[in-house]
């Protein structure tokens, strides 16, 4: 089963001594089946399955809000952001953070569903009286 999630990431770019970074909101799909199976290293040290978290899209973030590029070079800037965000998500650090985010999202959704069911049961009992 696959689900879609977002994660805000601060991605270092360029010379590490300069501390340049890009802040991006990355949308990705999470493949639970691959996560449950775990990586298979039968193919010479590389996982036999694809990534657990796969890049879908990215948007630049400024002050915690999406800030899509505009102007004459918007397409070039977006293309560069997409390449940087995709590479980050494919990295070990990116995969770990994305998987953690997806699992947190799924747990929160499950908790919400449990709470709604409990509220519905309580309401049904009140109605039955």
N, C-alpha and C. Protein backbone atom coordinates (compact mmCIF):
# COMPACT_ATOMS: atom_id res chain seq x y z
N UNK A 1 0.84 -1.17 0.00
CA UNK A 1 0.00 0.00 0.00
C UNK A 1 0.89 1.24 0.00
N UNK A 2 0.46 2.22 -0.74
CA UNK A 2 1.25 3.45 -0.87
C UNK A 2 0.42 4.64 -0.39
N UNK A 3 1.08 5.59 0.24
CA UNK A 3 0.42 6.79 0.71
C UNK A 3 1.29 8.00 0.40
N UNK A 4 0.68 9.18 0.35
CA UNK A 4 1.40 10.40 0.02
C UNK A 4 1.56 11.28 1.25
N UNK A 5 2.75 11.86 1.40
CA UNK A 5 3.09 12.66 2.57
C UNK A 5 3.93 13.86 2.15
N UNK A 6 4.11 14.80 3.09
CA UNK A 6 5.01 15.93 2.86
C UNK A 6 5.97 16.04 4.04
N UNK A 7 7.13 16.59 3.74
CA UNK A 7 8.13 16.83 4.77
C UNK A 7 8.83 18.15 4.44
N UNK A 8 9.07 18.97 5.45
CA UNK A 8 9.86 20.18 5.28
C UNK A 8 11.31 19.82 5.57
N UNK A 9 12.19 20.17 4.65
CA UNK A 9 13.60 19.81 4.79
C UNK A 9 14.48 21.04 4.55
N UNK A 10 15.54 21.12 5.32
CA UNK A 10 16.57 22.12 5.08
C UNK A 10 17.74 21.36 4.48
N UNK A 11 18.02 21.66 3.22
CA UNK A 11 18.98 20.88 2.45
C UNK A 11 20.24 21.71 2.21
N UNK A 12 21.40 21.25 2.69
CA UNK A 12 22.63 21.98 2.43
C UNK A 12 22.99 21.90 0.94
N UNK A 13 23.46 23.01 0.40
CA UNK A 13 23.88 23.04 -1.01
C UNK A 13 25.19 23.80 -1.12
N UNK A 14 25.95 23.47 -2.12
CA UNK A 14 27.20 24.19 -2.37
C UNK A 14 28.26 23.93 -1.33
N UNK A 15 29.11 24.92 -1.14
CA UNK A 15 30.25 24.85 -0.24
C UNK A 15 29.77 24.76 1.22
N UNK A 16 30.11 23.66 1.92
CA UNK A 16 29.65 23.53 3.30
C UNK A 16 30.19 24.63 4.21
N UNK A 17 31.36 25.22 3.87
CA UNK A 17 31.92 26.29 4.69
C UNK A 17 31.08 27.56 4.62
N UNK A 18 30.31 27.73 3.54
CA UNK A 18 29.46 28.91 3.40
C UNK A 18 28.11 28.72 4.09
N UNK A 19 27.76 27.47 4.34
CA UNK A 19 26.49 27.18 5.03
C UNK A 19 25.26 27.44 4.19
N UNK A 20 25.41 27.41 2.87
CA UNK A 20 24.26 27.64 2.00
C UNK A 20 23.29 26.48 2.12
N UNK A 21 22.00 26.80 2.14
CA UNK A 21 20.98 25.77 2.25
C UNK A 21 19.69 26.23 1.57
N UNK A 22 18.88 25.25 1.23
CA UNK A 22 17.57 25.49 0.63
C UNK A 22 16.54 24.87 1.55
N UNK A 23 15.47 25.60 1.81
CA UNK A 23 14.36 25.05 2.59
C UNK A 23 13.26 24.68 1.61
N UNK A 24 12.80 23.44 1.68
CA UNK A 24 11.81 22.96 0.72
C UNK A 24 10.76 22.10 1.41
N UNK A 25 9.56 22.15 0.88
CA UNK A 25 8.49 21.23 1.29
C UNK A 25 8.43 20.17 0.20
N UNK A 26 8.74 18.94 0.56
CA UNK A 26 8.84 17.84 -0.39
C UNK A 26 7.64 16.92 -0.23
N UNK A 27 6.99 16.64 -1.33
CA UNK A 27 5.89 15.67 -1.35
C UNK A 27 6.49 14.36 -1.86
N UNK A 28 6.14 13.26 -1.18
CA UNK A 28 6.66 11.96 -1.55
C UNK A 28 5.62 10.88 -1.30
N UNK A 29 5.81 9.76 -1.96
CA UNK A 29 4.97 8.60 -1.68
C UNK A 29 5.76 7.65 -0.79
N UNK A 30 5.04 6.99 0.10
CA UNK A 30 5.64 6.03 1.03
C UNK A 30 5.07 4.67 0.69
N UNK A 31 5.95 3.72 0.41
CA UNK A 31 5.54 2.37 0.05
C UNK A 31 5.68 1.48 1.28
N UNK A 32 4.57 1.23 1.95
CA UNK A 32 4.59 0.42 3.18
C UNK A 32 5.07 -1.00 2.93
N UNK A 33 4.70 -1.57 1.81
CA UNK A 33 5.07 -2.96 1.52
C UNK A 33 6.59 -3.11 1.46
N UNK A 34 7.28 -2.17 0.81
CA UNK A 34 8.74 -2.23 0.75
C UNK A 34 9.32 -2.02 2.14
N UNK A 35 8.73 -1.10 2.92
CA UNK A 35 9.22 -0.84 4.27
C UNK A 35 9.08 -2.08 5.15
N UNK A 36 7.97 -2.80 5.03
CA UNK A 36 7.74 -4.00 5.84
C UNK A 36 8.70 -5.11 5.47
N UNK A 37 9.02 -5.24 4.18
CA UNK A 37 9.91 -6.30 3.72
C UNK A 37 11.36 -6.01 4.09
N UNK A 38 11.69 -4.74 4.21
CA UNK A 38 13.07 -4.36 4.48
C UNK A 38 13.90 -4.49 3.22
N UNK A 39 15.07 -3.90 3.21
CA UNK A 39 15.90 -3.97 2.01
C UNK A 39 16.46 -5.37 1.81
N UNK A 40 16.58 -5.74 0.57
CA UNK A 40 17.18 -7.02 0.22
C UNK A 40 18.49 -6.72 -0.49
N UNK A 41 19.58 -7.25 0.03
CA UNK A 41 20.88 -6.94 -0.54
C UNK A 41 21.40 -8.08 -1.42
N UNK A 42 20.49 -8.84 -2.01
CA UNK A 42 20.88 -9.95 -2.88
C UNK A 42 21.47 -9.46 -4.20
N UNK A 43 21.30 -8.16 -4.50
CA UNK A 43 21.77 -7.65 -5.79
C UNK A 43 23.12 -6.94 -5.66
N UNK A 44 24.04 -7.52 -4.91
CA UNK A 44 25.39 -6.98 -4.85
C UNK A 44 25.54 -5.76 -3.97
N UNK A 45 24.93 -5.75 -2.82
CA UNK A 45 25.11 -4.65 -1.89
C UNK A 45 24.09 -3.54 -2.02
N UNK A 46 23.22 -3.59 -3.00
CA UNK A 46 22.20 -2.57 -3.19
C UNK A 46 20.83 -3.17 -2.91
N UNK A 47 19.91 -2.36 -2.38
CA UNK A 47 18.56 -2.88 -2.15
C UNK A 47 17.94 -3.38 -3.44
N UNK A 48 17.32 -4.55 -3.40
CA UNK A 48 16.67 -5.11 -4.58
C UNK A 48 15.40 -4.35 -4.93
N UNK A 49 14.73 -3.80 -3.91
CA UNK A 49 13.50 -3.05 -4.12
C UNK A 49 13.83 -1.57 -4.32
N UNK A 50 12.84 -0.81 -4.78
CA UNK A 50 13.02 0.62 -4.93
C UNK A 50 13.02 1.31 -3.59
N UNK A 51 13.13 2.60 -3.63
CA UNK A 51 13.13 3.38 -2.39
C UNK A 51 11.80 3.24 -1.68
N UNK A 52 11.84 3.33 -0.38
CA UNK A 52 10.62 3.28 0.41
C UNK A 52 9.87 4.59 0.25
N UNK A 53 10.60 5.71 0.24
CA UNK A 53 10.01 7.03 0.02
C UNK A 53 10.46 7.52 -1.36
N UNK A 54 9.50 7.82 -2.22
CA UNK A 54 9.82 8.25 -3.58
C UNK A 54 9.33 9.66 -3.82
N UNK A 55 10.20 10.49 -4.36
CA UNK A 55 9.95 11.91 -4.61
C UNK A 55 8.79 12.11 -5.58
N UNK A 56 7.94 13.10 -5.29
CA UNK A 56 6.84 13.48 -6.17
C UNK A 56 7.03 14.91 -6.65
N UNK A 57 7.21 15.85 -5.69
CA UNK A 57 7.37 17.25 -6.05
C UNK A 57 8.00 18.01 -4.90
N UNK A 58 8.36 19.27 -5.18
CA UNK A 58 8.93 20.13 -4.14
C UNK A 58 8.54 21.57 -4.42
N UNK A 59 8.45 22.34 -3.34
CA UNK A 59 8.20 23.78 -3.44
C UNK A 59 9.12 24.45 -2.43
N UNK A 60 9.66 25.59 -2.80
CA UNK A 60 10.52 26.34 -1.89
C UNK A 60 9.68 26.84 -0.71
N UNK A 61 10.33 26.97 0.44
CA UNK A 61 9.68 27.45 1.65
C UNK A 61 10.40 28.70 2.14
N UNK A 62 9.62 29.72 2.49
CA UNK A 62 10.17 30.92 3.11
C UNK A 62 9.30 31.25 4.31
N UNK A 63 9.93 31.42 5.46
CA UNK A 63 9.21 31.73 6.70
C UNK A 63 8.10 30.70 6.98
N UNK A 64 8.38 29.44 6.68
CA UNK A 64 7.44 28.37 6.96
C UNK A 64 6.28 28.24 5.99
N UNK A 65 6.25 29.08 4.95
CA UNK A 65 5.15 29.05 3.98
C UNK A 65 5.68 28.72 2.58
N UNK A 66 4.88 28.02 1.77
CA UNK A 66 5.29 27.76 0.39
C UNK A 66 5.53 29.06 -0.35
N UNK A 67 6.62 29.10 -1.10
CA UNK A 67 6.99 30.30 -1.86
C UNK A 67 7.40 29.89 -3.27
N UNK A 68 6.41 29.60 -4.12
CA UNK A 68 6.73 29.17 -5.49
C UNK A 68 7.56 30.24 -6.20
N UNK A 69 8.42 29.77 -7.07
CA UNK A 69 9.27 30.69 -7.82
C UNK A 69 8.45 31.45 -8.84
N UNK A 70 8.86 32.68 -9.12
CA UNK A 70 8.21 33.51 -10.13
C UNK A 70 9.28 34.23 -10.94
N UNK A 71 8.87 34.86 -11.99
CA UNK A 71 9.81 35.63 -12.79
C UNK A 71 10.33 34.86 -13.99
N UNK A 72 11.31 35.48 -14.66
CA UNK A 72 11.83 34.96 -15.92
C UNK A 72 12.52 33.62 -15.77
N UNK A 73 13.10 33.34 -14.61
CA UNK A 73 13.85 32.11 -14.43
C UNK A 73 13.14 31.11 -13.52
N UNK A 74 11.84 31.25 -13.36
CA UNK A 74 11.07 30.38 -12.47
C UNK A 74 11.22 28.91 -12.85
N UNK A 75 11.15 28.60 -14.13
CA UNK A 75 11.26 27.19 -14.56
C UNK A 75 12.63 26.62 -14.22
N UNK A 76 13.68 27.39 -14.44
CA UNK A 76 15.04 26.94 -14.14
C UNK A 76 15.22 26.77 -12.63
N UNK A 77 14.72 27.73 -11.85
CA UNK A 77 14.83 27.62 -10.40
C UNK A 77 14.07 26.40 -9.88
N UNK A 78 12.86 26.16 -10.41
CA UNK A 78 12.07 25.01 -9.98
C UNK A 78 12.76 23.71 -10.38
N UNK A 79 13.32 23.67 -11.57
CA UNK A 79 14.03 22.48 -12.03
C UNK A 79 15.22 22.17 -11.12
N UNK A 80 15.94 23.21 -10.73
CA UNK A 80 17.08 23.04 -9.83
C UNK A 80 16.61 22.55 -8.46
N UNK A 81 15.55 23.15 -7.94
CA UNK A 81 15.00 22.71 -6.66
C UNK A 81 14.56 21.26 -6.74
N UNK A 82 13.89 20.88 -7.82
CA UNK A 82 13.45 19.49 -7.98
C UNK A 82 14.63 18.53 -7.93
N UNK A 83 15.71 18.87 -8.62
CA UNK A 83 16.89 18.00 -8.65
C UNK A 83 17.52 17.89 -7.26
N UNK A 84 17.64 19.01 -6.56
CA UNK A 84 18.23 19.00 -5.22
C UNK A 84 17.35 18.23 -4.24
N UNK A 85 16.05 18.49 -4.27
CA UNK A 85 15.12 17.83 -3.35
C UNK A 85 15.05 16.33 -3.61
N UNK A 86 15.03 15.95 -4.88
CA UNK A 86 14.98 14.54 -5.24
C UNK A 86 16.24 13.82 -4.77
N UNK A 87 17.39 14.44 -4.98
CA UNK A 87 18.65 13.83 -4.54
C UNK A 87 18.70 13.70 -3.02
N UNK A 88 18.20 14.72 -2.31
CA UNK A 88 18.18 14.65 -0.85
C UNK A 88 17.29 13.51 -0.39
N UNK A 89 16.10 13.38 -1.00
CA UNK A 89 15.17 12.34 -0.59
C UNK A 89 15.74 10.95 -0.84
N UNK A 90 16.54 10.80 -1.88
CA UNK A 90 17.14 9.51 -2.19
C UNK A 90 18.31 9.17 -1.26
N UNK A 91 18.84 10.18 -0.55
CA UNK A 91 19.97 9.95 0.35
C UNK A 91 19.50 9.16 1.58
N UNK A 92 20.45 8.59 2.29
CA UNK A 92 20.12 7.84 3.51
C UNK A 92 19.40 8.74 4.51
N UNK A 93 19.91 9.96 4.70
CA UNK A 93 19.31 10.90 5.64
C UNK A 93 17.88 11.24 5.21
N UNK A 94 17.71 11.52 3.92
CA UNK A 94 16.38 11.86 3.40
C UNK A 94 15.40 10.71 3.55
N UNK A 95 15.84 9.49 3.23
CA UNK A 95 14.97 8.32 3.37
C UNK A 95 14.56 8.12 4.83
N UNK A 96 15.52 8.24 5.74
CA UNK A 96 15.21 8.06 7.17
C UNK A 96 14.20 9.09 7.66
N UNK A 97 14.42 10.36 7.32
CA UNK A 97 13.51 11.41 7.76
C UNK A 97 12.13 11.25 7.14
N UNK A 98 12.09 10.89 5.85
CA UNK A 98 10.81 10.74 5.16
C UNK A 98 10.03 9.55 5.72
N UNK A 99 10.71 8.45 5.97
CA UNK A 99 10.04 7.27 6.53
C UNK A 99 9.49 7.59 7.91
N UNK A 100 10.27 8.28 8.72
CA UNK A 100 9.81 8.67 10.05
C UNK A 100 8.57 9.57 9.95
N UNK A 101 8.59 10.53 9.01
CA UNK A 101 7.44 11.42 8.82
C UNK A 101 6.21 10.63 8.39
N UNK A 102 6.39 9.72 7.44
CA UNK A 102 5.26 8.92 6.95
C UNK A 102 4.68 8.05 8.06
N UNK A 103 5.54 7.42 8.84
CA UNK A 103 5.05 6.58 9.93
C UNK A 103 4.33 7.41 10.98
N UNK A 104 4.84 8.61 11.27
CA UNK A 104 4.15 9.52 12.20
C UNK A 104 2.78 9.91 11.66
N UNK A 105 2.73 10.25 10.35
CA UNK A 105 1.45 10.62 9.72
C UNK A 105 0.45 9.47 9.80
N UNK A 106 0.91 8.26 9.49
CA UNK A 106 0.02 7.10 9.50
C UNK A 106 -0.46 6.80 10.91
N UNK A 107 0.41 6.93 11.91
CA UNK A 107 0.01 6.69 13.29
C UNK A 107 -1.01 7.73 13.73
N UNK A 108 -0.79 9.00 13.35
CA UNK A 108 -1.74 10.06 13.71
C UNK A 108 -3.10 9.80 13.07
N UNK A 109 -3.11 9.35 11.82
CA UNK A 109 -4.37 9.05 11.15
C UNK A 109 -5.08 7.88 11.83
N UNK A 110 -4.31 6.87 12.24
CA UNK A 110 -4.90 5.73 12.93
C UNK A 110 -5.46 6.15 14.29
N UNK A 111 -4.73 7.01 15.01
CA UNK A 111 -5.21 7.51 16.30
C UNK A 111 -6.49 8.31 16.14
N UNK A 112 -6.55 9.15 15.09
CA UNK A 112 -7.76 9.93 14.82
C UNK A 112 -8.94 9.01 14.52
N UNK A 113 -8.70 7.97 13.73
CA UNK A 113 -9.77 7.04 13.40
C UNK A 113 -10.26 6.31 14.65
N UNK A 114 -9.32 5.91 15.52
CA UNK A 114 -9.71 5.25 16.77
C UNK A 114 -10.56 6.18 17.63
N UNK A 115 -10.15 7.44 17.71
CA UNK A 115 -10.89 8.42 18.50
C UNK A 115 -12.28 8.65 17.94
N UNK A 116 -12.40 8.73 16.62
CA UNK A 116 -13.71 8.92 16.00
C UNK A 116 -14.62 7.72 16.25
N UNK A 117 -14.05 6.50 16.18
CA UNK A 117 -14.84 5.30 16.45
C UNK A 117 -15.32 5.29 17.90
N UNK A 118 -14.45 5.67 18.83
CA UNK A 118 -14.83 5.71 20.24
C UNK A 118 -15.93 6.74 20.47
N UNK A 119 -15.81 7.89 19.84
CA UNK A 119 -16.85 8.92 19.97
C UNK A 119 -18.17 8.44 19.38
N UNK A 120 -18.11 7.73 18.26
CA UNK A 120 -19.32 7.20 17.63
C UNK A 120 -19.98 6.16 18.52
N UNK A 121 -19.18 5.28 19.14
CA UNK A 121 -19.73 4.27 20.05
C UNK A 121 -20.40 4.94 21.24
N UNK A 122 -19.75 5.96 21.80
CA UNK A 122 -20.33 6.68 22.94
C UNK A 122 -21.65 7.35 22.54
N UNK A 123 -21.69 7.92 21.35
CA UNK A 123 -22.91 8.58 20.86
C UNK A 123 -24.01 7.54 20.62
N UNK A 124 -23.63 6.39 20.07
CA UNK A 124 -24.61 5.32 19.84
C UNK A 124 -25.20 4.83 21.16
N UNK A 125 -24.37 4.73 22.22
CA UNK A 125 -24.87 4.31 23.53
C UNK A 125 -25.81 5.33 24.12
N UNK A 126 -25.51 6.63 23.94
CA UNK A 126 -26.41 7.68 24.43
C UNK A 126 -27.73 7.62 23.70
N UNK A 127 -27.67 7.40 22.37
CA UNK A 127 -28.89 7.33 21.58
C UNK A 127 -29.74 6.12 21.93
N UNK A 128 -29.10 5.03 22.34
CA UNK A 128 -29.82 3.80 22.66
C UNK A 128 -30.57 3.88 23.99
N UNK A 129 -30.22 4.84 24.83
CA UNK A 129 -30.87 4.97 26.14
C UNK A 129 -32.19 5.58 26.01
